[in-house]
C-alpha cells in the first residue's frame, strides 16, 4: 500500500531533480561554448592571424555562460525556496478563502 509522502521529503527530491536538470543544461552550454570557441580560435589563427577577433565571442559568450551558471546552478536553492514560499502563500490564501466561503 502506498502511503503519503511527507512534504519536506517531496521538496527535497523536487529540488534535487531541478538541480540535476539545471546542471545538465549548463554542462551542455559549456561543452558547446568550448567546441565553438575552439573552432573560432583555429579559424582565426589559420585564416586571419593578423586580426585577432576570436577574443570577442570568447568574452561575451563567456559572460552569458557565467550568468547561466550563477542563475542556473549557484543561486538555484534561493530561487527554489522563493518559488516554494510563493506557492505556500498562495495555497494558504486559497484555503483561507475556501474556509470563509463555507
C-alpha atoms as a PDB file:
ATOM      1  CA  UNK A   1       0.000   0.000   0.000  1.00  0.00           C
ATOM      2  CA  UNK A   2       1.305   3.440  -0.929  1.00  0.00           C
ATOM      3  CA  UNK A   3       1.472   5.959   1.894  1.00  0.00           C
ATOM      4  CA  UNK A   4       1.594   9.717   1.571  1.00  0.00           C
ATOM      5  CA  UNK A   5       4.991  11.318   1.100  1.00  0.00           C
ATOM      6  CA  UNK A   6       5.907  13.930   3.717  1.00  0.00           C
ATOM      7  CA  UNK A   7       6.113  17.440   2.288  1.00  0.00           C
ATOM      8  CA  UNK A   8       9.735  18.001   3.338  1.00  0.00           C
ATOM      9  CA  UNK A   9      10.833  14.801   1.551  1.00  0.00           C
ATOM     10  CA  UNK A  10       8.900  15.838  -1.551  1.00  0.00           C
ATOM     11  CA  UNK A  11      10.511  19.297  -1.513  1.00  0.00           C
ATOM     12  CA  UNK A  12      13.995  17.792  -1.132  1.00  0.00           C
ATOM     13  CA  UNK A  13      13.532  15.370  -4.030  1.00  0.00           C
ATOM     14  CA  UNK A  14      11.925  18.073  -6.185  1.00  0.00           C
ATOM     15  CA  UNK A  15      14.897  20.400  -5.579  1.00  0.00           C
ATOM     16  CA  UNK A  16      17.345  17.629  -6.476  1.00  0.00           C
ATOM     17  CA  UNK A  17      15.532  16.927  -9.741  1.00  0.00           C
ATOM     18  CA  UNK A  18      15.517  20.627 -10.679  1.00  0.00           C
ATOM     19  CA  UNK A  19      19.222  20.961  -9.779  1.00  0.00           C
ATOM     20  CA  UNK A  20      20.142  17.924 -11.898  1.00  0.00           C
ATOM     21  CA  UNK A  21      18.225  19.351 -14.853  1.00  0.00           C
ATOM     22  CA  UNK A  22      19.864  22.781 -14.481  1.00  0.00           C
ATOM     23  CA  UNK A  23      23.357  21.226 -14.177  1.00  0.00           C
ATOM     24  CA  UNK A  24      22.778  19.126 -17.290  1.00  0.00           C
ATOM     25  CA  UNK A  25      21.682  22.182 -19.283  1.00  0.00           C
ATOM     26  CA  UNK A  26      24.685  24.166 -18.046  1.00  0.00           C
ATOM     27  CA  UNK A  27      27.107  21.370 -18.988  1.00  0.00           C
ATOM     28  CA  UNK A  28      25.624  21.222 -22.491  1.00  0.00           C
ATOM     29  CA  UNK A  29      26.035  25.005 -22.771  1.00  0.00           C
ATOM     30  CA  UNK A  30      29.639  24.743 -21.515  1.00  0.00           C
ATOM     31  CA  UNK A  31      30.547  21.966 -23.966  1.00  0.00           C
ATOM     32  CA  UNK A  32      29.080  23.902 -26.899  1.00  0.00           C
ATOM     33  CA  UNK A  33      30.934  27.033 -25.719  1.00  0.00           C
ATOM     34  CA  UNK A  34      34.249  25.159 -25.653  1.00  0.00           C
ATOM     35  CA  UNK A  35      33.781  23.448 -29.024  1.00  0.00           C
ATOM     36  CA  UNK A  36      32.544  26.526 -30.913  1.00  0.00           C
ATOM     37  CA  UNK A  37      35.151  28.852 -29.427  1.00  0.00           C
ATOM     38  CA  UNK A  38      37.919  26.352 -30.153  1.00  0.00           C
ATOM     39  CA  UNK A  39      36.755  26.391 -33.783  1.00  0.00           C
ATOM     40  CA  UNK A  40      36.736  30.209 -33.733  1.00  0.00           C
ATOM     41  CA  UNK A  41      40.312  30.266 -32.418  1.00  0.00           C
ATOM     42  CA  UNK A  42      41.551  27.808 -35.033  1.00  0.00           C
ATOM     43  CA  UNK A  43      39.691  29.619 -37.809  1.00  0.00           C
ATOM     44  CA  UNK A  44      41.020  32.999 -36.696  1.00  0.00           C
ATOM     45  CA  UNK A  45      44.627  31.844 -36.382  1.00  0.00           C
ATOM     46  CA  UNK A  46      44.581  29.969 -39.706  1.00  0.00           C
ATOM     47  CA  UNK A  47      42.793  32.454 -41.948  1.00  0.00           C
ATOM     48  CA  UNK A  48      43.209  35.912 -40.369  1.00  0.00           C
ATOM     49  CA  UNK A  49      46.135  35.727 -37.924  1.00  0.00           C
ATOM     50  CA  UNK A  50      46.828  39.468 -38.194  1.00  0.00           C
ATOM     51  CA  UNK A  51      43.372  40.331 -36.868  1.00  0.00           C
ATOM     52  CA  UNK A  52      42.595  38.683 -33.536  1.00  0.00           C
ATOM     53  CA  UNK A  53      38.805  38.613 -33.361  1.00  0.00           C
ATOM     54  CA  UNK A  54      38.124  35.325 -31.548  1.00  0.00           C
ATOM     55  CA  UNK A  55      38.505  37.082 -28.197  1.00  0.00           C
ATOM     56  CA  UNK A  56      35.166  38.921 -28.607  1.00  0.00           C
ATOM     57  CA  UNK A  57      32.851  35.898 -28.803  1.00  0.00           C
ATOM     58  CA  UNK A  58      35.000  34.234 -26.151  1.00  0.00           C
ATOM     59  CA  UNK A  59      34.452  37.110 -23.718  1.00  0.00           C
ATOM     60  CA  UNK A  60      30.812  37.959 -24.438  1.00  0.00           C
ATOM     61  CA  UNK A  61      29.623  34.368 -24.662  1.00  0.00           C
ATOM     62  CA  UNK A  62      31.687  33.719 -21.530  1.00  0.00           C
ATOM     63  CA  UNK A  63      29.699  36.424 -19.732  1.00  0.00           C
ATOM     64  CA  UNK A  64      26.491  34.703 -20.830  1.00  0.00           C
ATOM     65  CA  UNK A  65      27.870  31.391 -19.609  1.00  0.00           C
ATOM     66  CA  UNK A  66      28.726  32.946 -16.244  1.00  0.00           C
ATOM     67  CA  UNK A  67      25.195  34.320 -15.922  1.00  0.00           C
ATOM     68  CA  UNK A  68      23.813  30.884 -16.815  1.00  0.00           C
ATOM     69  CA  UNK A  69      25.991  29.346 -14.078  1.00  0.00           C
ATOM     70  CA  UNK A  70      25.020  31.902 -11.443  1.00  0.00           C
ATOM     71  CA  UNK A  71      21.308  31.820 -12.194  1.00  0.00           C
ATOM     72  CA  UNK A  72      21.033  28.149 -13.111  1.00  0.00           C
ATOM     73  CA  UNK A  73      23.290  26.480 -10.556  1.00  0.00           C
ATOM     74  CA  UNK A  74      24.737  28.795  -7.935  1.00  0.00           C
ATOM     75  CA  UNK A  75      21.545  30.623  -6.927  1.00  0.00           C
ATOM     76  CA  UNK A  76      19.093  27.789  -7.630  1.00  0.00           C
ATOM     77  CA  UNK A  77      18.495  26.980  -3.937  1.00  0.00           C
ATOM     78  CA  UNK A  78      17.387  30.536  -3.211  1.00  0.00           C
ATOM     79  CA  UNK A  79      15.236  30.628  -6.334  1.00  0.00           C
ATOM     80  CA  UNK A  80      13.525  27.339  -5.442  1.00  0.00           C
ATOM     81  CA  UNK A  81      12.935  28.469  -1.841  1.00  0.00           C
ATOM     82  CA  UNK A  82      11.363  31.672  -3.153  1.00  0.00           C
ATOM     83  CA  UNK A  83       9.082  29.722  -5.505  1.00  0.00           C
ATOM     84  CA  UNK A  84       8.101  27.345  -2.694  1.00  0.00           C
ATOM     85  CA  UNK A  85       7.330  30.275  -0.375  1.00  0.00           C
ATOM     86  CA  UNK A  86       5.129  31.885  -3.036  1.00  0.00           C
ATOM     87  CA  UNK A  87       3.333  28.584  -3.686  1.00  0.00           C
ATOM     88  CA  UNK A  88       2.761  28.081   0.032  1.00  0.00           C
ATOM     89  CA  UNK A  89       1.423  31.623   0.394  1.00  0.00           C
ATOM     90  CA  UNK A  90      -0.991  31.138  -2.500  1.00  0.00           C
ATOM     91  CA  UNK A  91      -2.110  27.753  -1.180  1.00  0.00           C
ATOM     92  CA  UNK A  92      -2.799  29.273   2.250  1.00  0.00           C
ATOM     93  CA  UNK A  93      -4.797  32.094   0.613  1.00  0.00           C
ATOM     94  CA  UNK A  94      -6.892  29.551  -1.303  1.00  0.00           C
ATOM     95  CA  UNK A  95      -7.512  27.547   1.877  1.00  0.00           C
ATOM     96  CA  UNK A  96      -8.407  30.705   3.785  1.00  0.00           C
ATOM     97  CA  UNK A  97     -10.848  31.804   1.051  1.00  0.00           C
ATOM     98  CA  UNK A  98     -12.427  28.342   0.926  1.00  0.00           C
ATOM     99  CA  UNK A  99     -12.935  28.348   4.693  1.00  0.00           C
ATOM    100  CA  UNK A 100     -14.567  31.787   4.615  1.00  0.00           C
ATOM    101  CA  UNK A 101     -16.867  30.770   1.753  1.00  0.00           C
ATOM    102  CA  UNK A 102     -18.150  27.711   3.624  1.00  0.00           C
END
